[in-house]
Amino acid sequence: MRMYDLIYGKKLGGALSPEQIAFWVKGAAEGTIPDEQSAALLMAICWRGMSTEETLALTLAMRDSGKRLDLSSVPGIKVDKHSTGGVGDKTTLILGPIVAACGVPCPMFSGRGLGHTGGTVDKFAAIPGLKVELSEAEFLRSLRETRFANSAQTADIAPADKKLYALRDVTATVESIPLITASIMSKKLAGGADALVLDVKCGPSAFMKTPDEARTLAQSMVDVGIAHGMQIRALITRMDAPLGWAIGNALEIMESVEILRGEHADSELAQMSFRLAAEMLLMGGAAKDLEGALERVRASIQDGSALATLRRFVDLNGGDARALDDFSRLPHAEQVVEVRADQDGFIADMDGRALGLLAMDLGAGRRDRHDVLDLGVGIRVHAQIGLRITRNQPLYTVYAKPETRVVPADYLQTLRLVQQAPPTRPWLLETIGC
């Protein structure tokens, strides 16, 4: 088998066989196929696309390039969640303990943040002492004893994805739907869960900018999951502003804990987290219908079992669970700057990406993978789309290092004001899948 033939065939719009795809992925991962040939095939795929069958074959080949976690020793239907991410997206920290408290095992591998989006692993790292890179034995122990396990993805999970993503990043082929699908789904299938709920973000602050783009990606991942025999459902959710009031790692732990305490129950973040959790309970067999699932979610908040599950998870994995009740034990910033409105009006738009980049400049995010984060810095967002504001009203509170120069004008530029109240925008746009 020759790579030249694979490249040429796909360039002409032909389909690759599972054997051809497996040959390429194995060679790319092991370094026996030159990068320039892999890059050429990636570009051909980007232009010509892939069928569901090809995308599934690519997903499985990437999954099989490394270790597959065996969760069969854990009783019950194991349900995972994946979000395409966004500024302030901390749903994993909220829904994981809820789902586990309701009796459904929730195994989750999470990533670290890069650029304007934060990573779940970094948020958990703000809890003093908490181990965020679990061994397989530690992961399984956490899942058995608390029904919740979250860990940074290990290097032996889908290593071909890491290799191919690095090539995609430098060859302008990141946007390909089949390649995005295979990248996400290979890691999810390697993680061993029986079912998966997807949260596909859509909007100016998300990777998928339009509903059509989000729908295409969601449908692609659902098709691959179904073809593999997995229970899978996708929710397309709006992402045109930061999700919740907190941007920054320790701040996002605080907000998540507050929601698990029963605060902010009407916020979009809480409602989105509760709905995703309810979908997971349905898949895990813990409820018969959506309303019943939402009732169980709300009960886990009211009786304190969701927060208690998070405490057990933190304590079991070496973290200081006292920090969940005493936020002074979390990292904090020394400089606090309040940004106030310079005019009256209604907030029509917020630039979530710009706010994410400002948080990155504070030290809450990474410009490259080698940057060391300051887990205490970040932004408290008082502004909301649709809110009527008056001059001198607090819009943001910025938590920064002492040497950081905070320029209020940079933050004011993230808002667009109008004189009439903008229309209400629903956070849930569409659902796809079984």
Protein backbone atom coordinates (compact mmCIF):
# COMPACT_ATOMS: atom_id res chain seq x y z
CA MET A 1 0.00 0.00 0.00
CA ARG A 2 1.34 3.43 -0.96
CA MET A 3 0.47 6.79 0.57
CA TYR A 4 0.70 8.30 -2.91
CA ASP A 5 -2.34 6.26 -3.97
CA LEU A 6 -4.34 7.37 -0.93
CA ILE A 7 -3.53 11.01 -1.57
CA TYR A 8 -4.28 10.79 -5.28
CA GLY A 9 -7.56 8.92 -4.77
CA LYS A 10 -8.86 11.38 -2.19
CA LYS A 11 -7.72 14.32 -4.31
CA LEU A 12 -10.06 13.04 -7.03
CA GLY A 13 -12.93 12.69 -4.55
CA GLY A 14 -12.72 8.94 -4.00
CA ALA A 15 -13.46 7.11 -0.76
CA LEU A 16 -10.73 5.62 1.41
CA SER A 17 -11.20 2.07 2.68
CA PRO A 18 -10.90 1.24 6.39
CA GLU A 19 -7.67 -0.61 5.60
CA GLN A 20 -6.19 2.43 3.84
CA ILE A 21 -7.17 4.73 6.70
CA ALA A 22 -5.72 2.35 9.31
CA PHE A 23 -2.48 2.16 7.29
CA TRP A 24 -2.20 5.95 7.22
CA VAL A 25 -3.04 6.55 10.90
CA LYS A 26 -0.65 3.85 12.08
CA GLY A 27 2.16 5.19 9.90
CA ALA A 28 1.52 8.78 10.96
CA ALA A 29 1.56 7.85 14.65
CA GLU A 30 4.71 5.73 14.35
CA GLY A 31 6.54 8.19 12.10
CA THR A 32 6.92 5.76 9.17
CA ILE A 33 4.87 8.03 6.89
CA PRO A 34 6.47 11.43 6.18
CA ASP A 35 4.69 14.49 7.55
CA GLU A 36 4.44 16.02 4.10
CA GLN A 37 2.37 13.08 2.84
CA SER A 38 0.08 13.18 5.87
CA ALA A 39 -0.29 16.93 5.35
CA ALA A 40 -1.21 16.39 1.71
CA LEU A 41 -3.88 13.83 2.65
CA LEU A 42 -5.26 16.12 5.36
CA MET A 43 -5.67 18.88 2.79
CA ALA A 44 -7.35 16.49 0.34
CA ILE A 45 -9.78 15.44 3.10
CA CYS A 46 -10.39 19.08 3.97
CA TRP A 47 -11.36 19.80 0.36
CA ARG A 48 -13.12 16.56 -0.59
CA GLY A 49 -14.65 15.55 2.74
CA MET A 50 -15.38 12.08 4.06
CA SER A 51 -18.46 9.88 4.26
CA THR A 52 -19.81 8.72 7.61
CA GLU A 53 -18.19 5.32 6.97
CA GLU A 54 -14.81 6.94 6.30
CA THR A 55 -15.12 9.21 9.32
CA LEU A 56 -15.98 6.24 11.54
CA ALA A 57 -12.99 4.30 10.16
CA LEU A 58 -10.72 7.28 10.87
CA THR A 59 -12.18 7.64 14.37
CA LEU A 60 -11.62 3.96 15.19
CA ALA A 61 -8.10 3.95 13.75
CA MET A 62 -7.19 6.97 15.88
CA ARG A 63 -8.83 5.40 18.93
CA ASP A 64 -6.89 2.17 18.38
CA SER A 65 -3.56 4.00 18.05
CA GLY A 66 -3.31 3.97 21.85
CA LYS A 67 -4.80 2.66 25.05
CA ARG A 68 -8.52 2.01 25.51
CA LEU A 69 -9.91 2.30 29.02
CA ASP A 70 -11.92 -0.69 30.23
CA LEU A 71 -14.72 0.46 32.53
CA SER A 72 -16.58 -2.87 32.63
CA SER A 73 -15.68 -3.37 36.30
CA VAL A 74 -17.80 -0.32 37.19
CA PRO A 75 -21.50 -1.22 37.41
CA GLY A 76 -24.08 0.79 35.50
CA ILE A 77 -24.27 2.65 32.21
CA LYS A 78 -21.29 5.02 32.06
CA VAL A 79 -22.19 8.40 30.55
CA ASP A 80 -19.73 11.05 29.38
CA LYS A 81 -20.17 14.63 28.18
CA HIS A 82 -18.16 16.66 25.68
CA SER A 83 -18.38 20.38 25.03
CA THR A 84 -16.76 22.17 22.12
CA GLY A 85 -15.81 24.79 24.71
CA GLY A 86 -16.01 28.48 25.23
CA VAL A 87 -15.20 31.32 27.60
CA GLY A 88 -16.50 30.58 31.09
CA ASP A 89 -17.72 27.08 30.20
CA LYS A 90 -17.58 25.25 33.51
CA THR A 91 -20.49 22.85 32.98
CA THR A 92 -18.36 19.76 33.66
CA LEU A 93 -17.60 20.95 37.20
CA ILE A 94 -21.34 21.28 37.85
CA LEU A 95 -22.95 18.39 36.01
CA GLY A 96 -20.37 15.71 36.86
CA PRO A 97 -21.17 15.68 40.59
CA ILE A 98 -24.92 16.00 39.87
CA VAL A 99 -24.99 13.00 37.54
CA ALA A 100 -22.90 10.93 39.95
CA ALA A 101 -25.09 11.91 42.92
CA CYS A 102 -28.11 10.64 40.96
CA GLY A 103 -26.49 7.21 40.60
CA VAL A 104 -25.07 7.33 37.07
CA PRO A 105 -21.29 6.79 36.71
CA CYS A 106 -19.69 9.78 34.99
CA PRO A 107 -16.17 9.18 33.60
CA MET A 108 -14.61 12.25 32.00
CA PHE A 109 -11.25 13.08 30.46
CA SER A 110 -10.72 16.81 30.10
CA GLY A 111 -8.26 19.14 28.45
CA ARG A 112 -6.12 22.10 29.41
CA GLY A 113 -6.89 25.57 28.14
CA LEU A 114 -5.10 27.25 25.26
CA GLY A 115 -5.72 30.76 23.91
CA HIS A 116 -9.01 32.41 24.82
CA THR A 117 -10.78 29.26 26.08
CA GLY A 118 -10.21 27.70 29.47
CA GLY A 119 -9.66 24.03 30.23
CA THR A 120 -11.50 21.94 32.82
CA VAL A 121 -8.21 20.47 34.05
CA ASP A 122 -6.91 23.97 34.87
CA LYS A 123 -10.09 24.85 36.73
CA PHE A 124 -9.83 21.72 38.90
CA ALA A 125 -6.13 22.49 39.46
CA ALA A 126 -7.20 25.64 41.35
CA ILE A 127 -8.35 23.38 44.22
CA PRO A 128 -5.22 23.04 46.40
CA GLY A 129 -3.69 19.58 46.29
CA LEU A 130 -6.20 18.06 43.86
CA LYS A 131 -4.53 15.55 41.55
CA VAL A 132 -5.67 16.30 38.01
CA GLU A 133 -3.68 13.59 36.21
CA LEU A 134 -5.00 10.26 37.48
CA SER A 135 -3.52 6.85 36.74
CA GLU A 136 -5.90 4.24 35.36
CA ALA A 137 -6.19 2.66 38.81
CA GLU A 138 -6.90 6.04 40.43
CA PHE A 139 -9.46 6.90 37.76
CA LEU A 140 -11.32 3.62 38.27
CA ARG A 141 -11.18 3.99 42.05
CA SER A 142 -12.69 7.47 41.84
CA LEU A 143 -15.42 6.22 39.52
CA ARG A 144 -16.28 3.29 41.79
CA GLU A 145 -16.21 5.22 45.06
CA THR A 146 -17.79 8.53 44.00
CA ARG A 147 -19.30 7.65 40.57
CA PHE A 148 -17.37 10.65 39.22
CA ALA A 149 -13.88 10.68 37.73
CA ASN A 150 -12.18 13.50 35.89
CA SER A 151 -8.60 13.49 34.68
CA ALA A 152 -6.34 15.11 32.15
CA GLN A 153 -6.09 13.01 29.03
CA THR A 154 -3.01 10.80 29.21
CA ALA A 155 -0.47 10.61 26.41
CA ASP A 156 -1.42 7.02 25.60
CA ILE A 157 -5.05 7.92 24.76
CA ALA A 158 -5.39 8.34 20.96
CA PRO A 159 -1.76 9.42 20.37
CA ALA A 160 -2.41 9.58 16.61
CA ASP A 161 -4.78 12.48 17.28
CA LYS A 162 -2.01 14.50 18.89
CA LYS A 163 0.25 13.90 15.90
CA LEU A 164 -2.39 14.68 13.28
CA TYR A 165 -3.73 17.71 15.16
CA ALA A 166 -0.25 19.23 15.22
CA LEU A 167 -0.13 18.87 11.43
CA ARG A 168 -3.66 20.26 11.03
CA ASP A 169 -2.69 23.27 13.12
CA VAL A 170 0.09 24.27 10.71
CA THR A 171 -1.62 23.32 7.44
CA ALA A 172 -4.91 25.25 7.78
CA THR A 173 -6.97 22.05 7.98
CA VAL A 174 -8.34 22.40 11.51
CA GLU A 175 -11.84 23.35 10.27
CA SER A 176 -12.56 20.05 8.46
CA ILE A 177 -15.73 18.50 9.96
CA PRO A 178 -14.60 14.86 9.49
CA LEU A 179 -11.22 15.63 11.07
CA ILE A 180 -12.83 17.48 14.01
CA THR A 181 -15.27 14.60 14.47
CA ALA A 182 -12.55 11.95 14.46
CA SER A 183 -10.39 13.99 16.84
CA ILE A 184 -13.18 14.35 19.41
CA MET A 185 -14.84 10.97 19.04
CA SER A 186 -11.63 8.90 19.01
CA LYS A 187 -10.77 10.18 22.49
CA LYS A 188 -14.33 9.70 23.73
CA LEU A 189 -14.51 6.13 22.45
CA ALA A 190 -11.09 5.37 23.97
CA GLY A 191 -12.41 6.66 27.30
CA GLY A 192 -14.72 3.68 27.63
CA ALA A 193 -18.10 5.36 28.23
CA ASP A 194 -21.31 3.68 27.03
CA ALA A 195 -23.14 6.90 26.17
CA LEU A 196 -22.25 10.47 25.32
CA VAL A 197 -23.97 13.85 25.48
CA LEU A 198 -22.49 16.56 23.25
CA ASP A 199 -22.70 20.30 23.85
CA VAL A 200 -21.90 21.98 20.54
CA LYS A 201 -21.43 25.72 21.03
CA CYS A 202 -22.58 28.15 18.37
CA GLY A 203 -21.98 31.87 17.98
CA PRO A 204 -19.37 34.62 17.68
CA SER A 205 -17.47 33.37 20.75
CA ALA A 206 -17.52 29.70 19.67
CA PHE A 207 -15.49 27.66 17.18
CA MET A 208 -18.66 27.05 15.15
CA LYS A 209 -19.93 30.53 14.28
CA THR A 210 -23.30 29.78 12.67
CA PRO A 211 -26.17 27.36 13.44
CA ASP A 212 -25.52 25.56 10.13
CA GLU A 213 -21.86 24.96 11.02
CA ALA A 214 -22.78 23.75 14.52
CA ARG A 215 -25.52 21.50 13.14
CA THR A 216 -23.16 19.94 10.60
CA LEU A 217 -20.55 19.14 13.26
CA ALA A 218 -23.14 17.85 15.73
CA GLN A 219 -24.75 15.60 13.11
CA SER A 220 -21.35 14.26 12.05
CA MET A 221 -20.44 13.26 15.61
CA VAL A 222 -23.89 11.79 16.25
CA ASP A 223 -23.69 9.76 12.99
CA VAL A 224 -20.31 8.34 14.01
CA GLY A 225 -21.55 7.51 17.50
CA ILE A 226 -24.67 5.77 16.20
CA ALA A 227 -22.64 3.86 13.59
CA HIS A 228 -20.47 2.62 16.45
CA GLY A 229 -23.53 1.55 18.45
CA MET A 230 -23.24 4.26 21.08
CA GLN A 231 -26.09 6.15 22.71
CA ILE A 232 -25.43 9.75 21.72
CA ARG A 233 -27.27 13.06 21.73
CA ALA A 234 -26.13 16.57 20.82
CA LEU A 235 -27.42 19.90 22.10
CA ILE A 236 -26.56 22.99 20.08
CA THR A 237 -26.20 25.88 22.51
CA ARG A 238 -25.68 29.60 22.07
CA MET A 239 -22.20 30.99 22.78
CA ASP A 240 -22.18 34.73 22.12
CA ALA A 241 -21.05 35.84 25.58
CA PRO A 242 -19.14 34.37 28.54
CA LEU A 243 -21.02 31.53 30.23
CA GLY A 244 -21.70 32.55 33.82
CA TRP A 245 -20.16 35.31 35.89
CA ALA A 246 -16.65 33.86 36.24
CA ILE A 247 -13.72 33.81 33.82
CA GLY A 248 -10.59 32.40 35.43
CA ASN A 249 -9.78 29.16 37.18
CA ALA A 250 -10.35 29.72 40.91
CA LEU A 251 -13.26 32.07 40.13
CA GLU A 252 -14.91 29.35 38.04
CA ILE A 253 -14.57 26.87 40.91
CA MET A 254 -16.36 29.39 43.13
CA GLU A 255 -19.23 29.86 40.68
CA SER A 256 -19.63 26.12 40.16
CA VAL A 257 -19.77 25.49 43.91
CA GLU A 258 -22.30 28.30 44.33
CA ILE A 259 -24.59 26.63 41.77
CA LEU A 260 -24.19 23.27 43.53
CA ARG A 261 -25.22 25.08 46.73
CA GLY A 262 -28.43 26.16 45.03
CA GLU A 263 -27.44 29.71 44.06
CA HIS A 264 -27.89 31.28 40.58
CA ALA A 265 -30.49 28.62 39.72
CA ASP A 266 -32.08 30.81 37.04
CA SER A 267 -28.82 31.63 35.26
CA GLU A 268 -28.14 30.29 31.78
CA LEU A 269 -25.11 28.43 33.14
CA ALA A 270 -27.19 26.63 35.75
CA GLN A 271 -30.03 25.87 33.34
CA MET A 272 -27.63 24.58 30.69
CA SER A 273 -25.74 22.42 33.21
CA PHE A 274 -28.99 21.02 34.60
CA ARG A 275 -30.32 20.17 31.13
CA LEU A 276 -27.09 18.44 30.10
CA ALA A 277 -27.11 16.51 33.37
CA ALA A 278 -30.73 15.50 32.78
CA GLU A 279 -29.87 14.19 29.30
CA MET A 280 -27.10 12.12 30.88
CA LEU A 281 -29.50 10.71 33.49
CA LEU A 282 -31.90 9.66 30.74
CA MET A 283 -29.11 7.82 28.94
CA GLY A 284 -27.97 6.25 32.20
CA GLY A 285 -31.43 4.89 32.94
CA ALA A 286 -31.92 7.04 36.07
CA ALA A 287 -35.11 8.67 34.76
CA LYS A 288 -37.90 7.81 32.32
CA ASP A 289 -38.46 11.23 30.81
CA LEU A 290 -36.84 14.65 30.66
CA GLU A 291 -39.05 16.22 33.33
CA GLY A 292 -38.34 13.37 35.70
CA ALA A 293 -34.63 13.71 35.01
CA LEU A 294 -34.72 17.47 35.69
CA GLU A 295 -36.58 16.77 38.92
CA ARG A 296 -33.80 14.44 40.05
CA VAL A 297 -31.20 17.05 39.12
CA ARG A 298 -32.95 19.71 41.19
CA ALA A 299 -33.35 17.29 44.11
CA SER A 300 -29.59 16.59 44.14
CA ILE A 301 -28.98 20.33 44.54
CA GLN A 302 -31.64 20.80 47.20
CA ASP A 303 -30.58 17.85 49.38
CA GLY A 304 -26.88 18.68 49.08
CA SER A 305 -25.90 15.32 47.55
CA ALA A 306 -24.34 16.87 44.40
CA LEU A 307 -22.02 19.12 46.41
CA ALA A 308 -21.25 16.24 48.78
CA THR A 309 -20.21 14.15 45.77
CA LEU A 310 -17.82 16.89 44.64
CA ARG A 311 -16.36 17.01 48.16
CA ARG A 312 -15.78 13.24 48.14
CA PHE A 313 -14.17 13.41 44.69
CA VAL A 314 -11.82 16.21 45.78
CA ASP A 315 -10.93 14.52 49.08
CA LEU A 316 -10.36 11.10 47.47
CA ASN A 317 -7.95 12.58 44.93
CA GLY A 318 -5.79 14.54 47.36
CA GLY A 319 -7.51 17.92 47.22
CA ASP A 320 -8.43 20.27 50.03
CA ALA A 321 -12.22 19.81 50.18
CA ARG A 322 -12.41 22.61 52.76
CA ALA A 323 -11.77 25.05 49.91
CA LEU A 324 -15.27 24.26 48.57
CA ASP A 325 -16.74 25.84 51.71
CA ASP A 326 -14.03 28.42 52.43
CA PHE A 327 -13.07 30.19 49.19
CA SER A 328 -10.21 31.97 50.95
CA ARG A 329 -8.33 28.66 50.64
CA LEU A 330 -8.41 28.98 46.84
CA PRO A 331 -5.77 30.97 44.90
CA HIS A 332 -6.53 34.68 44.77
CA ALA A 333 -5.19 37.81 43.10
CA GLU A 334 -3.70 40.77 44.93
CA GLN A 335 -4.93 43.54 42.62
CA VAL A 336 -8.67 44.18 42.21
CA VAL A 337 -9.91 46.72 39.65
CA GLU A 338 -13.54 47.63 39.03
CA VAL A 339 -14.55 48.57 35.47
CA ARG A 340 -17.61 50.84 35.39
CA ALA A 341 -19.93 51.87 32.56
CA ASP A 342 -19.14 55.17 30.86
CA GLN A 343 -22.67 55.64 29.46
CA ASP A 344 -26.28 54.47 29.76
CA GLY A 345 -27.93 51.87 27.57
CA PHE A 346 -28.89 48.24 27.05
CA ILE A 347 -26.18 45.64 26.45
CA ALA A 348 -26.83 44.24 22.97
CA ASP A 349 -23.64 42.19 22.51
CA MET A 350 -20.62 41.01 24.48
CA ASP A 351 -17.39 39.88 22.85
CA GLY A 352 -16.69 36.69 24.76
CA ARG A 353 -13.57 35.94 22.75
CA ALA A 354 -12.10 39.35 23.56
CA LEU A 355 -12.84 38.81 27.26
CA GLY A 356 -11.17 35.41 27.07
CA LEU A 357 -8.08 37.00 25.56
CA LEU A 358 -8.05 39.69 28.26
CA ALA A 359 -8.22 36.93 30.89
CA MET A 360 -5.35 35.19 29.12
CA ASP A 361 -3.33 38.41 29.30
CA LEU A 362 -3.97 38.47 33.06
CA GLY A 363 -2.43 34.99 33.30
CA ALA A 364 -5.62 32.90 33.44
CA GLY A 365 -4.90 31.29 30.04
CA ARG A 366 -1.99 30.16 27.90
CA ARG A 367 -0.57 31.70 24.74
CA ASP A 368 1.28 28.43 24.20
CA ARG A 369 1.32 25.06 25.94
CA HIS A 370 4.39 25.90 28.03
CA ASP A 371 2.90 28.95 29.80
CA VAL A 372 2.42 28.68 33.57
CA LEU A 373 -1.01 29.85 34.72
CA ASP A 374 -1.86 32.14 37.62
CA LEU A 375 -4.90 30.27 38.96
CA GLY A 376 -6.15 33.21 41.04
CA VAL A 377 -6.53 35.88 38.35
CA GLY A 378 -9.58 36.44 36.19
CA ILE A 379 -12.69 38.49 35.55
CA ARG A 380 -16.03 38.67 37.37
CA VAL A 381 -18.67 39.58 34.80
CA HIS A 382 -21.52 41.75 36.10
CA ALA A 383 -22.73 42.63 32.60
CA GLN A 384 -25.28 40.50 30.75
CA ILE A 385 -26.81 40.73 27.30
CA GLY A 386 -30.15 42.51 27.62
CA LEU A 387 -29.24 44.24 30.89
CA ARG A 388 -30.06 47.93 31.19
CA ILE A 389 -27.07 49.76 32.63
CA THR A 390 -26.47 53.28 33.82
CA ARG A 391 -23.32 55.35 33.79
CA ASN A 392 -20.85 54.36 36.55
CA GLN A 393 -22.49 50.96 37.07
CA PRO A 394 -19.98 48.09 37.68
CA LEU A 395 -19.58 45.93 34.60
CA TYR A 396 -16.49 43.86 35.40
CA THR A 397 -14.28 43.22 38.39
CA VAL A 398 -10.75 42.37 37.28
CA TYR A 399 -8.49 40.26 39.51
CA ALA A 400 -4.87 40.69 38.50
CA LYS A 401 -1.26 40.35 39.57
CA PRO A 402 0.16 43.48 41.26
CA GLU A 403 2.37 44.32 38.30
CA THR A 404 -0.39 44.00 35.68
CA ARG A 405 -1.69 47.25 34.20
CA VAL A 406 -5.47 46.98 33.83
CA VAL A 407 -6.90 49.35 31.20
CA PRO A 408 -10.68 49.82 31.70
CA ALA A 409 -11.16 50.95 28.09
CA ASP A 410 -10.05 47.52 26.88
CA TYR A 411 -12.95 45.97 28.81
CA LEU A 412 -15.52 48.58 27.78
CA GLN A 413 -14.75 47.77 24.13
CA THR A 414 -16.12 44.25 24.66
CA LEU A 415 -19.67 45.63 24.95
CA ARG A 416 -22.06 47.11 22.40
CA LEU A 417 -24.79 49.31 23.85
CA VAL A 418 -28.14 50.23 22.29
CA GLN A 419 -30.98 52.44 23.46
CA GLN A 420 -33.75 49.83 23.27
CA ALA A 421 -33.85 46.42 24.94
CA PRO A 422 -32.59 43.71 22.52
CA PRO A 423 -34.73 40.60 21.90
CA THR A 424 -34.32 37.64 24.23
CA ARG A 425 -32.04 34.90 22.86
CA PRO A 426 -32.64 31.27 23.88
CA TRP A 427 -29.57 29.35 25.01
CA LEU A 428 -30.77 26.02 23.53
CA LEU A 429 -30.99 26.17 19.75
CA GLU A 430 -31.52 22.55 18.71
CA THR A 431 -31.16 18.90 19.77
CA ILE A 432 -29.89 16.10 17.53
CA GLY A 433 -29.61 12.37 18.08
CA CYS A 434 -31.23 9.49 19.90
